[in-house]
C-alpha atoms as a PDB file:
ATOM      1  CA  MET A   1     193.006 -41.450  71.895  1.00  0.00           C
ATOM      2  CA  LYS A   2     194.971 -38.797  70.041  1.00  0.00           C
ATOM      3  CA  ASN A   3     198.248 -40.135  71.510  1.00  0.00           C
ATOM      4  CA  ILE A   4     197.359 -43.675  70.429  1.00  0.00           C
ATOM      5  CA  ILE A   5     196.728 -42.507  66.867  1.00  0.00           C
ATOM      6  CA  ILE A   6     200.042 -40.618  66.816  1.00  0.00           C
ATOM      7  CA  THR A   7     201.876 -43.694  68.122  1.00  0.00           C
ATOM      8  CA  LEU A   8     200.263 -45.912  65.500  1.00  0.00           C
ATOM      9  CA  CYS A   9     201.160 -43.448  62.756  1.00  0.00           C
ATOM     10  CA  LEU A  10     204.765 -43.273  63.920  1.00  0.00           C
ATOM     11  CA  SER A  11     204.976 -47.071  64.088  1.00  0.00           C
ATOM     12  CA  PHE A  12     203.599 -47.333  60.563  1.00  0.00           C
ATOM     13  CA  PHE A  13     206.056 -44.680  59.373  1.00  0.00           C
ATOM     14  CA  VAL A  14     208.999 -46.590  60.891  1.00  0.00           C
ATOM     15  CA  PHE A  15     207.725 -49.822  59.290  1.00  0.00           C
ATOM     16  CA  VAL A  16     207.511 -48.145  55.876  1.00  0.00           C
ATOM     17  CA  LEU A  17     211.032 -46.722  56.230  1.00  0.00           C
ATOM     18  CA  LYS A  18     212.430 -50.159  57.085  1.00  0.00           C
ATOM     19  CA  ALA A  19     210.626 -51.690  54.120  1.00  0.00           C
ATOM     20  CA  GLN A  20     212.061 -48.992  51.882  1.00  0.00           C
ATOM     21  CA  ASP A  21     215.556 -49.757  53.179  1.00  0.00           C
ATOM     22  CA  LEU A  22     215.204 -53.422  52.244  1.00  0.00           C
ATOM     23  CA  ASN A  23     214.056 -52.319  48.808  1.00  0.00           C
ATOM     24  CA  LYS A  24     217.648 -51.265  48.222  1.00  0.00           C
ATOM     25  CA  TYR A  25     218.203 -54.958  47.580  1.00  0.00           C
ATOM     26  CA  ASP A  26     217.447 -55.516  43.898  1.00  0.00           C
ATOM     27  CA  ARG A  27     215.372 -58.539  42.900  1.00  0.00           C
ATOM     28  CA  GLY A  28     216.932 -61.217  40.754  1.00  0.00           C
ATOM     29  CA  ASN A  29     216.515 -64.813  39.696  1.00  0.00           C
ATOM     30  CA  PHE A  30     218.709 -67.500  38.221  1.00  0.00           C
ATOM     31  CA  ILE A  31     217.097 -69.862  35.709  1.00  0.00           C
ATOM     32  CA  LYS A  32     219.102 -72.392  33.770  1.00  0.00           C
ATOM     33  CA  GLY A  33     217.858 -75.804  32.706  1.00  0.00           C
ATOM     34  CA  LYS A  34     216.055 -77.332  35.673  1.00  0.00           C
ATOM     35  CA  ASP A  35     217.668 -74.874  38.097  1.00  0.00           C
ATOM     36  CA  SER A  36     215.591 -71.952  39.325  1.00  0.00           C
ATOM     37  CA  ILE A  37     216.240 -69.763  42.342  1.00  0.00           C
ATOM     38  CA  TYR A  38     215.214 -66.266  43.452  1.00  0.00           C
ATOM     39  CA  TYR A  39     217.621 -63.897  45.173  1.00  0.00           C
ATOM     40  CA  ARG A  40     217.971 -60.338  46.447  1.00  0.00           C
ATOM     41  CA  ILE A  41     221.183 -58.452  45.779  1.00  0.00           C
ATOM     42  CA  LEU A  42     222.699 -55.317  47.289  1.00  0.00           C
ATOM     43  CA  PHE A  43     225.373 -53.519  45.301  1.00  0.00           C
ATOM     44  CA  PRO A  44     227.873 -51.157  46.958  1.00  0.00           C
ATOM     45  CA  GLU A  45     227.103 -47.452  46.952  1.00  0.00           C
ATOM     46  CA  ASN A  46     228.552 -45.750  43.876  1.00  0.00           C
ATOM     47  CA  PHE A  47     228.968 -49.156  42.283  1.00  0.00           C
ATOM     48  CA  ASN A  48     231.489 -49.102  39.443  1.00  0.00           C
ATOM     49  CA  PRO A  49     231.288 -52.151  37.130  1.00  0.00           C
ATOM     50  CA  SER A  50     234.890 -51.610  36.074  1.00  0.00           C
ATOM     51  CA  GLN A  51     236.075 -52.316  39.635  1.00  0.00           C
ATOM     52  CA  LYS A  52     236.196 -55.644  41.448  1.00  0.00           C
ATOM     53  CA  TYR A  53     234.251 -56.159  44.675  1.00  0.00           C
ATOM     54  CA  PRO A  54     234.048 -58.815  47.394  1.00  0.00           C
ATOM     55  CA  VAL A  55     230.904 -60.961  47.308  1.00  0.00           C
ATOM     56  CA  ILE A  56     229.056 -62.491  50.241  1.00  0.00           C
ATOM     57  CA  PHE A  57     226.240 -65.014  50.018  1.00  0.00           C
ATOM     58  CA  VAL A  58     223.904 -65.251  53.034  1.00  0.00           C
ATOM     59  CA  LEU A  59     221.663 -68.299  53.499  1.00  0.00           C
ATOM     60  CA  HIS A  60     218.424 -67.986  55.478  1.00  0.00           C
ATOM     61  CA  GLY A  61     216.679 -70.464  57.775  1.00  0.00           C
ATOM     62  CA  ALA A  62     213.766 -72.842  57.139  1.00  0.00           C
ATOM     63  CA  GLY A  63     211.161 -70.307  58.254  1.00  0.00           C
ATOM     64  CA  GLU A  64     212.048 -67.934  55.427  1.00  0.00           C
ATOM     65  CA  ARG A  65     211.596 -70.419  52.577  1.00  0.00           C
ATOM     66  CA  GLY A  66     209.170 -69.566  49.786  1.00  0.00           C
ATOM     67  CA  ASN A  67     208.917 -67.748  46.483  1.00  0.00           C
ATOM     68  CA  ASN A  68     208.108 -64.168  47.533  1.00  0.00           C
ATOM     69  CA  ASN A  69     211.787 -63.137  47.225  1.00  0.00           C
ATOM     70  CA  GLU A  70     211.436 -61.107  50.432  1.00  0.00           C
ATOM     71  CA  SER A  71     211.420 -63.340  53.507  1.00  0.00           C
ATOM     72  CA  GLN A  72     215.101 -64.234  53.221  1.00  0.00           C
ATOM     73  CA  LEU A  73     216.026 -60.652  54.188  1.00  0.00           C
ATOM     74  CA  VAL A  74     214.323 -60.839  57.601  1.00  0.00           C
ATOM     75  CA  HIS A  75     217.475 -61.900  59.454  1.00  0.00           C
ATOM     76  CA  GLY A  76     220.710 -60.155  58.508  1.00  0.00           C
ATOM     77  CA  GLY A  77     219.363 -58.006  55.707  1.00  0.00           C
ATOM     78  CA  LYS A  78     219.504 -54.786  57.714  1.00  0.00           C
ATOM     79  CA  LEU A  79     223.089 -55.388  58.836  1.00  0.00           C
ATOM     80  CA  PHE A  80     224.468 -54.723  55.359  1.00  0.00           C
ATOM     81  CA  LEU A  81     222.395 -51.542  55.008  1.00  0.00           C
ATOM     82  CA  LYS A  82     224.078 -49.806  57.936  1.00  0.00           C
ATOM     83  CA  ASP A  83     226.010 -46.711  56.877  1.00  0.00           C
ATOM     84  CA  ASP A  84     229.262 -47.797  58.527  1.00  0.00           C
ATOM     85  CA  VAL A  85     229.044 -51.269  57.004  1.00  0.00           C
ATOM     86  CA  ARG A  86     228.408 -49.898  53.520  1.00  0.00           C
ATOM     87  CA  LYS A  87     231.306 -47.490  53.953  1.00  0.00           C
ATOM     88  CA  ASN A  88     233.859 -49.849  55.481  1.00  0.00           C
ATOM     89  CA  PHE A  89     232.909 -53.053  53.657  1.00  0.00           C
ATOM     90  CA  PRO A  90     231.800 -52.170  50.123  1.00  0.00           C
ATOM     91  CA  ALA A  91     230.710 -55.558  48.854  1.00  0.00           C
ATOM     92  CA  ILE A  92     228.048 -57.259  46.781  1.00  0.00           C
ATOM     93  CA  VAL A  93     225.628 -58.986  49.167  1.00  0.00           C
ATOM     94  CA  ILE A  94     223.364 -61.769  47.901  1.00  0.00           C
ATOM     95  CA  PHE A  95     220.475 -63.422  49.765  1.00  0.00           C
ATOM     96  CA  PRO A  96     219.146 -66.430  47.789  1.00  0.00           C
ATOM     97  CA  GLN A  97     215.736 -67.871  48.726  1.00  0.00           C
ATOM     98  CA  CYS A  98     215.163 -71.598  49.147  1.00  0.00           C
ATOM     99  CA  PRO A  99     211.790 -72.847  47.817  1.00  0.00           C
ATOM    100  CA  LYS A 100     209.246 -74.064  50.355  1.00  0.00           C
ATOM    101  CA  ASP A 101     209.487 -77.656  49.128  1.00  0.00           C
ATOM    102  CA  SER A 102     213.273 -77.915  49.450  1.00  0.00           C
ATOM    103  CA  TYR A 103     216.120 -77.537  51.935  1.00  0.00           C
ATOM    104  CA  TRP A 104     219.641 -76.174  51.657  1.00  0.00           C
ATOM    105  CA  ALA A 105     221.337 -79.145  53.310  1.00  0.00           C
ATOM    106  CA  ASN A 106     221.367 -82.874  52.707  1.00  0.00           C
ATOM    107  CA  VAL A 107     219.794 -83.884  56.020  1.00  0.00           C
ATOM    108  CA  ASN A 108     217.072 -86.208  57.245  1.00  0.00           C
ATOM    109  CA  ILE A 109     214.619 -84.585  59.669  1.00  0.00           C
ATOM    110  CA  ALA A 110     212.264 -86.551  61.885  1.00  0.00           C
ATOM    111  CA  PRO A 111     210.344 -85.950  65.133  1.00  0.00           C
ATOM    112  CA  ASN A 112     211.647 -87.588  68.295  1.00  0.00           C
ATOM    113  CA  GLU A 113     209.647 -88.954  71.210  1.00  0.00           C
ATOM    114  CA  GLN A 114     209.213 -85.435  72.622  1.00  0.00           C
ATOM    115  CA  GLY A 115     207.807 -84.201  69.309  1.00  0.00           C
ATOM    116  CA  LYS A 116     210.878 -82.118  68.494  1.00  0.00           C
ATOM    117  CA  ARG A 117     212.888 -82.450  65.324  1.00  0.00           C
ATOM    118  CA  THR A 118     216.025 -84.548  65.080  1.00  0.00           C
ATOM    119  CA  PHE A 119     218.613 -83.965  62.376  1.00  0.00           C
ATOM    120  CA  THR A 120     220.686 -86.675  60.730  1.00  0.00           C
ATOM    121  CA  PHE A 121     223.279 -85.126  58.449  1.00  0.00           C
ATOM    122  CA  LEU A 122     224.375 -87.230  55.517  1.00  0.00           C
ATOM    123  CA  GLU A 123     227.909 -87.908  54.427  1.00  0.00           C
ATOM    124  CA  GLY A 124     228.251 -86.968  50.776  1.00  0.00           C
ATOM    125  CA  GLY A 125     225.083 -87.668  48.810  1.00  0.00           C
ATOM    126  CA  LYS A 126     223.407 -85.752  46.013  1.00  0.00           C
ATOM    127  CA  PRO A 127     222.530 -82.089  46.574  1.00  0.00           C
ATOM    128  CA  THR A 128     218.935 -81.074  47.166  1.00  0.00           C
ATOM    129  CA  LYS A 129     217.034 -79.242  44.437  1.00  0.00           C
ATOM    130  CA  ALA A 130     217.739 -75.905  46.152  1.00  0.00           C
ATOM    131  CA  MET A 131     221.435 -76.649  46.710  1.00  0.00           C
ATOM    132  CA  HIS A 132     221.874 -77.749  43.093  1.00  0.00           C
ATOM    133  CA  ALA A 133     220.408 -74.453  41.888  1.00  0.00           C
ATOM    134  CA  LEU A 134     222.429 -72.482  44.431  1.00  0.00           C
ATOM    135  CA  GLN A 135     225.695 -74.085  43.328  1.00  0.00           C
ATOM    136  CA  ASN A 136     225.089 -73.140  39.726  1.00  0.00           C
ATOM    137  CA  MET A 137     223.890 -69.659  40.648  1.00  0.00           C
ATOM    138  CA  VAL A 138     227.120 -69.047  42.585  1.00  0.00           C
ATOM    139  CA  LYS A 139     229.206 -70.429  39.721  1.00  0.00           C
ATOM    140  CA  ASP A 140     227.409 -68.209  37.227  1.00  0.00           C
ATOM    141  CA  PHE A 141     227.636 -65.050  39.329  1.00  0.00           C
ATOM    142  CA  LEU A 142     231.336 -65.437  40.002  1.00  0.00           C
ATOM    143  CA  LYS A 143     231.947 -65.159  36.262  1.00  0.00           C
ATOM    144  CA  LYS A 144     230.965 -61.476  36.423  1.00  0.00           C
ATOM    145  CA  PRO A 145     233.906 -59.174  35.637  1.00  0.00           C
ATOM    146  CA  PHE A 146     233.262 -57.017  38.731  1.00  0.00           C
ATOM    147  CA  VAL A 147     233.695 -59.922  41.184  1.00  0.00           C
ATOM    148  CA  ASN A 148     236.878 -60.213  43.235  1.00  0.00           C
ATOM    149  CA  LYS A 149     237.348 -63.980  43.307  1.00  0.00           C
ATOM    150  CA  GLU A 150     239.900 -63.631  46.087  1.00  0.00           C
ATOM    151  CA  GLN A 151     237.165 -62.350  48.414  1.00  0.00           C
ATOM    152  CA  VAL A 152     234.113 -64.569  48.121  1.00  0.00           C
ATOM    153  CA  TYR A 153     232.334 -65.382  51.398  1.00  0.00           C
ATOM    154  CA  ILE A 154     229.427 -67.508  52.588  1.00  0.00           C
ATOM    155  CA  GLY A 155     227.410 -67.529  55.805  1.00  0.00           C
ATOM    156  CA  GLY A 156     224.037 -68.607  57.086  1.00  0.00           C
ATOM    157  CA  LEU A 157     221.763 -69.298  60.025  1.00  0.00           C
ATOM    158  CA  SER A 158     219.958 -72.462  61.136  1.00  0.00           C
ATOM    159  CA  MET A 159     219.086 -74.280  57.894  1.00  0.00           C
ATOM    160  CA  GLY A 160     221.358 -71.721  56.239  1.00  0.00           C
ATOM    161  CA  GLY A 161     224.168 -72.622  58.626  1.00  0.00           C
ATOM    162  CA  MET A 162     223.731 -76.235  57.549  1.00  0.00           C
ATOM    163  CA  GLY A 163     223.714 -75.086  53.933  1.00  0.00           C
ATOM    164  CA  THR A 164     226.903 -73.113  54.540  1.00  0.00           C
ATOM    165  CA  TYR A 165     228.804 -76.247  55.503  1.00  0.00           C
ATOM    166  CA  GLU A 166     227.325 -78.070  52.535  1.00  0.00           C
ATOM    167  CA  LEU A 167     228.204 -75.362  50.021  1.00  0.00           C
ATOM    168  CA  LEU A 168     231.732 -75.174  51.417  1.00  0.00           C
ATOM    169  CA  ARG A 169     232.299 -78.837  50.681  1.00  0.00           C
ATOM    170  CA  ARG A 170     230.492 -78.864  47.339  1.00  0.00           C
ATOM    171  CA  LYS A 171     232.298 -75.800  45.999  1.00  0.00           C
ATOM    172  CA  ARG A 172     235.770 -76.241  47.382  1.00  0.00           C
ATOM    173  CA  ASN A 173     238.418 -73.607  46.670  1.00  0.00           C
ATOM    174  CA  THR A 174     235.707 -70.967  46.161  1.00  0.00           C
ATOM    175  CA  PHE A 175     235.348 -69.212  49.521  1.00  0.00           C
ATOM    176  CA  ALA A 176     237.906 -67.159  51.415  1.00  0.00           C
ATOM    177  CA  ALA A 177     236.085 -67.477  54.769  1.00  0.00           C
ATOM    178  CA  ALA A 178     232.668 -68.387  56.183  1.00  0.00           C
ATOM    179  CA  PHE A 179     230.410 -68.169  59.211  1.00  0.00           C
ATOM    180  CA  ALA A 180     227.739 -70.596  60.392  1.00  0.00           C
ATOM    181  CA  ILE A 181     225.081 -69.779  62.990  1.00  0.00           C
ATOM    182  CA  CYS A 182     223.219 -72.571  64.855  1.00  0.00           C
ATOM    183  CA  GLY A 183     223.799 -75.062  62.056  1.00  0.00           C
ATOM    184  CA  GLY A 184     225.198 -78.569  61.823  1.00  0.00           C
ATOM    185  CA  ASP A 185     226.854 -81.140  59.613  1.00  0.00           C
ATOM    186  CA  ASN A 186     228.137 -84.695  59.560  1.00  0.00           C
ATOM    187  CA  THR A 187     231.658 -84.425  60.980  1.00  0.00           C
ATOM    188  CA  ASN A 188     232.881 -86.850  58.316  1.00  0.00           C
ATOM    189  CA  ASN A 189     232.389 -84.037  55.809  1.00  0.00           C
ATOM    190  CA  ILE A 190     234.751 -81.671  57.611  1.00  0.00           C
ATOM    191  CA  ASP A 191     237.873 -82.720  55.735  1.00  0.00           C
ATOM    192  CA  LYS A 192     236.384 -81.145  52.577  1.00  0.00           C
ATOM    193  CA  TYR A 193     236.297 -77.626  54.043  1.00  0.00           C
ATOM    194  CA  LYS A 194     239.079 -77.773  56.626  1.00  0.00           C
ATOM    195  CA  LYS A 195     241.108 -75.128  54.771  1.00  0.00           C
ATOM    196  CA  VAL A 196     238.399 -72.465  54.945  1.00  0.00           C
ATOM    197  CA  PRO A 197     238.586 -70.080  57.954  1.00  0.00           C
ATOM    198  CA  LEU A 198     235.311 -70.505  59.813  1.00  0.00           C
ATOM    199  CA  TRP A 199     233.499 -68.713  62.633  1.00  0.00           C
ATOM    200  CA  ILE A 200     230.791 -70.797  64.288  1.00  0.00           C
ATOM    201  CA  PHE A 201     228.034 -69.455  66.557  1.00  0.00           C
ATOM    202  CA  HIS A 202     225.396 -71.255  68.613  1.00  0.00           C
ATOM    203  CA  GLY A 203     223.026 -70.716  71.518  1.00  0.00           C
ATOM    204  CA  GLY A 204     223.728 -72.811  74.587  1.00  0.00           C
ATOM    205  CA  LYS A 205     220.000 -73.356  75.227  1.00  0.00           C
ATOM    206  CA  ASP A 206     219.074 -74.070  71.615  1.00  0.00           C
ATOM    207  CA  ASP A 207     216.220 -76.574  71.683  1.00  0.00           C
ATOM    208  CA  ILE A 208     215.770 -76.681  67.887  1.00  0.00           C
ATOM    209  CA  VAL A 209     219.278 -77.477  66.637  1.00  0.00           C
ATOM    210  CA  ASP A 210     221.460 -79.054  69.316  1.00  0.00           C
ATOM    211  CA  PRO A 211     224.579 -76.960  70.034  1.00  0.00           C
ATOM    212  CA  ALA A 212     226.454 -80.270  70.174  1.00  0.00           C
ATOM    213  CA  PHE A 213     226.573 -80.161  66.362  1.00  0.00           C
ATOM    214  CA  SER A 214     228.513 -76.889  66.331  1.00  0.00           C
ATOM    215  CA  ILE A 215     230.720 -77.972  69.218  1.00  0.00           C
ATOM    216  CA  ALA A 216     231.643 -81.206  67.433  1.00  0.00           C
ATOM    217  CA  ILE A 217     232.504 -79.410  64.195  1.00  0.00           C
ATOM    218  CA  SER A 218     234.568 -76.806  66.025  1.00  0.00           C
ATOM    219  CA  GLU A 219     236.498 -79.356  68.067  1.00  0.00           C
ATOM    220  CA  ARG A 220     237.162 -81.547  65.042  1.00  0.00           C
ATOM    221  CA  LEU A 221     238.478 -78.584  63.045  1.00  0.00           C
ATOM    222  CA  LYS A 222     240.721 -77.565  65.926  1.00  0.00           C
ATOM    223  CA  THR A 223     242.260 -81.027  66.177  1.00  0.00           C
ATOM    224  CA  ILE A 224     243.307 -80.943  62.530  1.00  0.00           C
ATOM    225  CA  GLY A 225     244.776 -77.440  62.778  1.00  0.00           C
ATOM    226  CA  SER A 226     242.092 -75.504  60.902  1.00  0.00           C
ATOM    227  CA  GLU A 227     241.436 -71.814  61.511  1.00  0.00           C
ATOM    228  CA  VAL A 228     238.177 -71.880  63.445  1.00  0.00           C
ATOM    229  CA  LYS A 229     236.502 -69.605  65.974  1.00  0.00           C
ATOM    230  CA  PHE A 230     233.604 -70.798  68.109  1.00  0.00           C
ATOM    231  CA  LEU A 231     231.290 -68.598  70.142  1.00  0.00           C
ATOM    232  CA  LEU A 232     228.622 -70.113  72.371  1.00  0.00           C
ATOM    233  CA  TYR A 233     225.983 -67.786  73.814  1.00  0.00           C
ATOM    234  CA  PRO A 234     225.161 -69.552  77.120  1.00  0.00           C
ATOM    235  CA  ASN A 235     221.681 -68.095  77.568  1.00  0.00           C
ATOM    236  CA  ALA A 236     220.571 -67.962  73.934  1.00  0.00           C
ATOM    237  CA  ASN A 237     218.052 -70.349  72.434  1.00  0.00           C
ATOM    238  CA  HIS A 238     217.752 -70.956  68.700  1.00  0.00           C
ATOM    239  CA  ASN A 239     217.674 -67.241  67.904  1.00  0.00           C
ATOM    240  CA  SER A 240     221.428 -66.811  68.274  1.00  0.00           C
ATOM    241  CA  TRP A 241     221.638 -65.013  64.930  1.00  0.00           C
ATOM    242  CA  ASP A 242     220.691 -61.661  66.453  1.00  0.00           C
ATOM    243  CA  SER A 243     223.722 -61.847  68.740  1.00  0.00           C
ATOM    244  CA  ALA A 244     225.967 -63.154  65.960  1.00  0.00           C
ATOM    245  CA  PHE A 245     224.995 -60.412  63.502  1.00  0.00           C
ATOM    246  CA  ALA A 246     225.591 -57.862  66.274  1.00  0.00           C
ATOM    247  CA  GLU A 247     229.165 -59.059  66.855  1.00  0.00           C
ATOM    248  CA  PRO A 248     231.360 -56.030  66.029  1.00  0.00           C
ATOM    249  CA  GLN A 249     234.214 -58.229  64.801  1.00  0.00           C
ATOM    250  CA  LEU A 250     232.179 -60.502  62.516  1.00  0.00           C
ATOM    251  CA  LEU A 251     232.569 -58.495  59.317  1.00  0.00           C
ATOM    252  CA  PRO A 252     236.120 -57.243  60.024  1.00  0.00           C
ATOM    253  CA  TRP A 253     237.156 -60.854  60.634  1.00  0.00           C
ATOM    254  CA  LEU A 254     235.345 -62.150  57.568  1.00  0.00           C
ATOM    255  CA  PHE A 255     236.597 -59.546  55.108  1.00  0.00           C
ATOM    256  CA  SER A 256     240.172 -59.745  56.428  1.00  0.00           C
ATOM    257  CA  HIS A 257     240.510 -63.116  54.689  1.00  0.00           C
ATOM    258  CA  ARG A 258     241.542 -63.598  51.097  1.00  0.00           C
ATOM    259  CA  LYS A 259     242.190 -66.741  49.147  1.00  0.00           C
END
């Protein structure tokens, strides 16, 4: 019994420490006109507002939507808190949160005969409520004097991977490089972000978002001479983001690019 209590106490202590780590991300919100969006932001250690820093926006998946301004840090948030990452890649990291009633990408979702979701990505179209707010939040933040506009990056997972493609095409000439994990897009939109270096990840056994979406985007980009990397995890299901965030070359590759 004593050992069980000790184990529970240690588990609680570890949980508290992890929560405290994520609290290093400051809370923020962007409100302008009809646009409203929450976000968490991590500044570099020894942040100096007179210097210019790279900025990376990370878009979460559908399961982390809401208004608690916390859930969006569940996947990827701890990566940027690692000592070596903070030391080697001093950057401003921003995790926006999509409201529960919206979606990053312009996509129609419907159940198929097996009860699973099917995704139909639109060509063009108006941005969703969340994407409209995100676009203006990005535009506003990049006006800050401490932002290095030559090193602005975007990446996301699942719904956030879909949103990554969408933001790339809606804010062209903004991002130096991007990554998309288990996302998708209408391949007719590719021409609008063909100049952005892109690293695409997907699980080969993904039964939520078909890996065929990522494969099609990758192949199309290759045929038109774009800089694209594609990594398929043969045995991974939808949760390919753990493997992608653990890739040792992800951040070195990303931050090596400048506009």
